Amino acid sequence: KIKKKKTWFVASCPVLDVHSQGETEEMARENLKEALSLFFQSCFERGVLDEVLKECGFKAVRASIDKEEKPMVSRGDYIQVPIPFLVNQDTSHRCHA
């Protein structure tokens, strides 16, 4: 959610209770993306990400690899938040049996 408050725009993700602001609507949206990314990273590093997400009403679901599956949600009022995690692509430990 983004609302204009006097000369600032306030961007909010109420489900996670994360908020940010910016001088323009786009700056507020970008600042919220960064705040959410840092929120996820902080929770992960402290080992509480699963617990925090469950407390916010999220549920674990089984991942599907069905190529015919439709995208989860595509709405203009949603933003994509980059998750700041890297996948270890070190192939030296792969099994070649």
N, C-alpha and C. Protein backbone atom coordinates (compact mmCIF):
# COMPACT_ATOMS: atom_id res chain seq x y z
N LYS A 1 0.85 -1.17 0.00
CA LYS A 1 0.00 0.00 0.00
C LYS A 1 0.89 1.23 0.00
N ILE A 2 0.51 2.20 -0.82
CA ILE A 2 1.26 3.46 -0.86
C ILE A 2 0.27 4.61 -0.69
N LYS A 3 0.57 5.48 0.26
CA LYS A 3 -0.29 6.63 0.53
C LYS A 3 0.57 7.88 0.58
N LYS A 4 0.01 8.98 0.10
CA LYS A 4 0.71 10.26 0.18
C LYS A 4 0.37 10.92 1.51
N LYS A 5 1.41 11.30 2.26
CA LYS A 5 1.24 12.00 3.54
C LYS A 5 2.02 13.31 3.45
N LYS A 6 1.30 14.39 3.27
CA LYS A 6 1.89 15.72 3.04
C LYS A 6 2.80 15.67 1.83
N THR A 7 4.11 15.83 2.00
CA THR A 7 5.01 15.85 0.85
C THR A 7 5.72 14.52 0.63
N TRP A 8 5.45 13.51 1.46
CA TRP A 8 6.10 12.21 1.35
C TRP A 8 5.10 11.13 0.96
N PHE A 9 5.63 10.07 0.38
CA PHE A 9 4.84 8.88 0.10
C PHE A 9 5.27 7.81 1.09
N VAL A 10 4.30 7.15 1.72
CA VAL A 10 4.58 6.09 2.68
C VAL A 10 4.15 4.77 2.05
N ALA A 11 5.09 3.84 1.96
CA ALA A 11 4.82 2.52 1.40
C ALA A 11 4.79 1.52 2.54
N SER A 12 3.79 0.65 2.54
CA SER A 12 3.60 -0.29 3.64
C SER A 12 3.33 -1.70 3.14
N CYS A 13 3.85 -2.66 3.89
CA CYS A 13 3.50 -4.07 3.72
C CYS A 13 2.89 -4.49 5.06
N PRO A 14 1.57 -4.29 5.21
CA PRO A 14 0.94 -4.52 6.51
C PRO A 14 1.06 -5.95 7.02
N VAL A 15 1.04 -6.93 6.13
CA VAL A 15 1.08 -8.32 6.58
C VAL A 15 2.39 -8.63 7.32
N LEU A 16 3.48 -7.96 6.95
CA LEU A 16 4.75 -8.18 7.63
C LEU A 16 5.12 -7.02 8.56
N ASP A 17 4.28 -5.98 8.61
CA ASP A 17 4.51 -4.80 9.43
C ASP A 17 5.85 -4.13 9.08
N VAL A 18 6.09 -4.00 7.77
CA VAL A 18 7.30 -3.33 7.28
C VAL A 18 6.84 -2.11 6.50
N HIS A 19 7.50 -0.97 6.75
CA HIS A 19 7.09 0.30 6.15
C HIS A 19 8.33 1.07 5.71
N SER A 20 8.14 1.96 4.74
CA SER A 20 9.21 2.83 4.28
C SER A 20 8.58 4.08 3.70
N GLN A 21 9.42 4.97 3.19
CA GLN A 21 8.90 6.21 2.62
C GLN A 21 9.82 6.70 1.52
N GLY A 22 9.36 7.69 0.77
CA GLY A 22 10.16 8.29 -0.28
C GLY A 22 9.53 9.59 -0.72
N GLU A 23 10.32 10.41 -1.41
CA GLU A 23 9.82 11.69 -1.90
C GLU A 23 8.86 11.53 -3.07
N THR A 24 8.96 10.40 -3.77
CA THR A 24 8.04 10.09 -4.86
C THR A 24 7.44 8.71 -4.60
N GLU A 25 6.37 8.39 -5.32
CA GLU A 25 5.75 7.08 -5.17
C GLU A 25 6.74 5.97 -5.54
N GLU A 26 7.49 6.18 -6.62
CA GLU A 26 8.47 5.17 -7.06
C GLU A 26 9.59 5.00 -6.04
N MET A 27 10.07 6.10 -5.45
CA MET A 27 11.12 6.01 -4.42
C MET A 27 10.60 5.25 -3.20
N ALA A 28 9.37 5.51 -2.82
CA ALA A 28 8.78 4.81 -1.68
C ALA A 28 8.68 3.32 -1.97
N ARG A 29 8.27 2.95 -3.20
CA ARG A 29 8.16 1.54 -3.60
C ARG A 29 9.55 0.88 -3.56
N GLU A 30 10.55 1.54 -4.12
CA GLU A 30 11.91 0.98 -4.13
C GLU A 30 12.46 0.86 -2.71
N ASN A 31 12.19 1.85 -1.86
CA ASN A 31 12.66 1.78 -0.47
C ASN A 31 11.97 0.65 0.28
N LEU A 32 10.69 0.39 -0.03
CA LEU A 32 9.98 -0.73 0.60
C LEU A 32 10.58 -2.06 0.14
N LYS A 33 10.91 -2.17 -1.14
CA LYS A 33 11.56 -3.40 -1.63
C LYS A 33 12.84 -3.67 -0.84
N GLU A 34 13.65 -2.62 -0.66
CA GLU A 34 14.90 -2.77 0.08
C GLU A 34 14.63 -3.13 1.54
N ALA A 35 13.65 -2.48 2.16
CA ALA A 35 13.31 -2.77 3.57
C ALA A 35 12.85 -4.22 3.72
N LEU A 36 12.03 -4.71 2.79
CA LEU A 36 11.55 -6.09 2.86
C LEU A 36 12.69 -7.07 2.64
N SER A 37 13.56 -6.77 1.71
CA SER A 37 14.70 -7.63 1.46
C SER A 37 15.59 -7.74 2.71
N LEU A 38 15.85 -6.61 3.34
CA LEU A 38 16.65 -6.60 4.57
C LEU A 38 15.92 -7.31 5.71
N PHE A 39 14.60 -7.17 5.77
CA PHE A 39 13.79 -7.86 6.78
C PHE A 39 13.96 -9.37 6.64
N PHE A 40 13.80 -9.88 5.40
CA PHE A 40 13.95 -11.32 5.17
C PHE A 40 15.36 -11.79 5.53
N GLN A 41 16.35 -11.03 5.11
CA GLN A 41 17.74 -11.40 5.39
C GLN A 41 18.00 -11.43 6.89
N SER A 42 17.53 -10.44 7.62
CA SER A 42 17.73 -10.38 9.07
C SER A 42 17.06 -11.56 9.76
N CYS A 43 15.82 -11.86 9.37
CA CYS A 43 15.11 -12.99 9.97
C CYS A 43 15.83 -14.30 9.69
N PHE A 44 16.31 -14.46 8.47
CA PHE A 44 17.03 -15.68 8.10
C PHE A 44 18.31 -15.83 8.92
N GLU A 45 19.08 -14.75 9.01
CA GLU A 45 20.35 -14.79 9.75
C GLU A 45 20.15 -15.09 11.23
N ARG A 46 19.01 -14.66 11.78
CA ARG A 46 18.73 -14.92 13.20
C ARG A 46 18.02 -16.26 13.41
N GLY A 47 17.72 -16.96 12.30
CA GLY A 47 17.10 -18.27 12.39
C GLY A 47 15.63 -18.25 12.76
N VAL A 48 14.95 -17.13 12.46
CA VAL A 48 13.55 -17.01 12.85
C VAL A 48 12.61 -16.78 11.66
N LEU A 49 13.11 -16.94 10.44
CA LEU A 49 12.29 -16.63 9.27
C LEU A 49 11.02 -17.47 9.22
N ASP A 50 11.12 -18.78 9.41
CA ASP A 50 9.93 -19.63 9.39
C ASP A 50 8.93 -19.20 10.46
N GLU A 51 9.42 -18.96 11.65
CA GLU A 51 8.55 -18.57 12.77
C GLU A 51 7.84 -17.24 12.49
N VAL A 52 8.59 -16.26 11.98
CA VAL A 52 8.01 -14.95 11.69
C VAL A 52 6.94 -15.05 10.61
N LEU A 53 7.23 -15.80 9.55
CA LEU A 53 6.26 -15.95 8.46
C LEU A 53 5.00 -16.67 8.94
N LYS A 54 5.15 -17.69 9.78
CA LYS A 54 3.98 -18.39 10.33
C LYS A 54 3.15 -17.44 11.19
N GLU A 55 3.81 -16.62 12.02
CA GLU A 55 3.09 -15.67 12.87
C GLU A 55 2.32 -14.65 12.04
N CYS A 56 2.80 -14.38 10.82
CA CYS A 56 2.14 -13.41 9.94
C CYS A 56 1.05 -14.07 9.09
N GLY A 57 0.84 -15.37 9.28
CA GLY A 57 -0.24 -16.05 8.58
C GLY A 57 0.16 -16.84 7.34
N PHE A 58 1.45 -16.91 7.05
CA PHE A 58 1.91 -17.68 5.90
C PHE A 58 1.92 -19.16 6.24
N LYS A 59 1.70 -20.00 5.23
CA LYS A 59 1.72 -21.45 5.40
C LYS A 59 2.68 -22.05 4.39
N ALA A 60 3.37 -23.09 4.81
CA ALA A 60 4.27 -23.80 3.90
C ALA A 60 3.44 -24.60 2.91
N VAL A 61 3.84 -24.56 1.65
CA VAL A 61 3.18 -25.36 0.62
C VAL A 61 4.23 -26.15 -0.13
N ARG A 62 3.82 -27.25 -0.68
CA ARG A 62 4.73 -28.09 -1.43
C ARG A 62 4.99 -27.45 -2.79
N ALA A 63 6.24 -27.31 -3.15
CA ALA A 63 6.60 -26.71 -4.43
C ALA A 63 6.23 -27.65 -5.56
N SER A 64 5.80 -27.07 -6.65
CA SER A 64 5.42 -27.85 -7.83
C SER A 64 6.37 -27.52 -8.97
N ILE A 65 6.76 -28.52 -9.73
CA ILE A 65 7.61 -28.27 -10.88
C ILE A 65 6.84 -28.44 -12.18
N ASP A 66 5.53 -28.41 -12.08
CA ASP A 66 4.66 -28.52 -13.24
C ASP A 66 4.85 -27.30 -14.13
N LYS A 67 5.30 -27.50 -15.36
CA LYS A 67 5.57 -26.38 -16.26
C LYS A 67 4.30 -25.71 -16.75
N GLU A 68 3.17 -26.37 -16.60
CA GLU A 68 1.89 -25.80 -17.03
C GLU A 68 1.28 -24.91 -15.95
N GLU A 69 1.90 -24.86 -14.78
CA GLU A 69 1.33 -24.12 -13.65
C GLU A 69 1.30 -22.62 -13.96
N LYS A 70 0.22 -21.97 -13.57
CA LYS A 70 0.07 -20.54 -13.78
C LYS A 70 0.84 -19.78 -12.71
N PRO A 71 1.24 -18.53 -13.00
CA PRO A 71 1.90 -17.72 -11.96
C PRO A 71 0.98 -17.53 -10.77
N MET A 72 1.56 -17.43 -9.58
CA MET A 72 0.76 -17.32 -8.36
C MET A 72 -0.18 -16.12 -8.40
N VAL A 73 0.38 -14.92 -8.55
CA VAL A 73 -0.44 -13.71 -8.56
C VAL A 73 0.23 -12.69 -9.47
N SER A 74 -0.56 -12.01 -10.25
CA SER A 74 -0.04 -10.93 -11.08
C SER A 74 -0.98 -9.75 -10.92
N ARG A 75 -0.60 -8.84 -10.03
CA ARG A 75 -1.43 -7.67 -9.76
C ARG A 75 -0.55 -6.43 -9.77
N GLY A 76 -1.12 -5.35 -10.22
CA GLY A 76 -0.38 -4.10 -10.29
C GLY A 76 0.01 -3.52 -8.95
N ASP A 77 -0.72 -3.88 -7.89
CA ASP A 77 -0.40 -3.33 -6.58
C ASP A 77 0.56 -4.21 -5.79
N TYR A 78 1.09 -5.25 -6.42
CA TYR A 78 2.08 -6.11 -5.79
C TYR A 78 3.46 -5.72 -6.30
N ILE A 79 4.47 -5.92 -5.48
CA ILE A 79 5.84 -5.68 -5.92
C ILE A 79 6.64 -6.96 -5.77
N GLN A 80 7.63 -7.13 -6.61
CA GLN A 80 8.52 -8.27 -6.50
C GLN A 80 9.69 -7.85 -5.63
N VAL A 81 9.94 -8.65 -4.60
CA VAL A 81 11.01 -8.34 -3.65
C VAL A 81 12.16 -9.31 -3.89
N PRO A 82 13.34 -8.77 -4.19
CA PRO A 82 14.48 -9.67 -4.37
C PRO A 82 14.88 -10.28 -3.03
N ILE A 83 15.07 -11.58 -3.02
CA ILE A 83 15.50 -12.27 -1.81
C ILE A 83 17.03 -12.35 -1.88
N PRO A 84 17.71 -11.80 -0.88
CA PRO A 84 19.17 -11.66 -0.96
C PRO A 84 19.94 -12.92 -0.57
N PHE A 85 19.61 -14.05 -1.19
CA PHE A 85 20.31 -15.29 -0.88
C PHE A 85 20.92 -15.83 -2.16
N LEU A 86 22.07 -16.44 -2.02
CA LEU A 86 22.74 -17.05 -3.16
C LEU A 86 22.67 -18.56 -3.05
N VAL A 87 22.63 -19.20 -4.18
CA VAL A 87 22.65 -20.65 -4.22
C VAL A 87 24.10 -21.08 -4.39
N ASN A 88 24.53 -22.02 -3.57
CA ASN A 88 25.89 -22.53 -3.69
C ASN A 88 25.96 -23.39 -4.94
N GLN A 89 26.68 -22.93 -5.93
CA GLN A 89 26.77 -23.66 -7.18
C GLN A 89 28.11 -24.39 -7.32
N ASP A 90 28.74 -24.66 -6.22
CA ASP A 90 29.98 -25.41 -6.21
C ASP A 90 29.69 -26.85 -6.67
N THR A 91 30.20 -27.22 -7.81
CA THR A 91 29.89 -28.52 -8.39
C THR A 91 30.90 -29.59 -7.97
N SER A 92 31.89 -29.23 -7.17
CA SER A 92 32.93 -30.21 -6.81
C SER A 92 32.42 -31.31 -5.90
N HIS A 93 31.24 -31.11 -5.27
CA HIS A 93 30.71 -32.11 -4.34
C HIS A 93 29.57 -32.93 -4.93
N ARG A 94 29.35 -32.80 -6.22
CA ARG A 94 28.27 -33.55 -6.85
C ARG A 94 28.65 -35.01 -7.02
N CYS A 95 27.67 -35.83 -6.93
CA CYS A 95 27.85 -37.27 -7.12
C CYS A 95 27.78 -37.57 -8.61
N HIS A 96 28.78 -38.28 -9.11
CA HIS A 96 28.82 -38.61 -10.54
C HIS A 96 28.59 -40.09 -10.76
N ALA A 97 27.90 -40.74 -9.82
CA ALA A 97 27.70 -42.18 -9.92
C ALA A 97 26.72 -42.53 -11.00
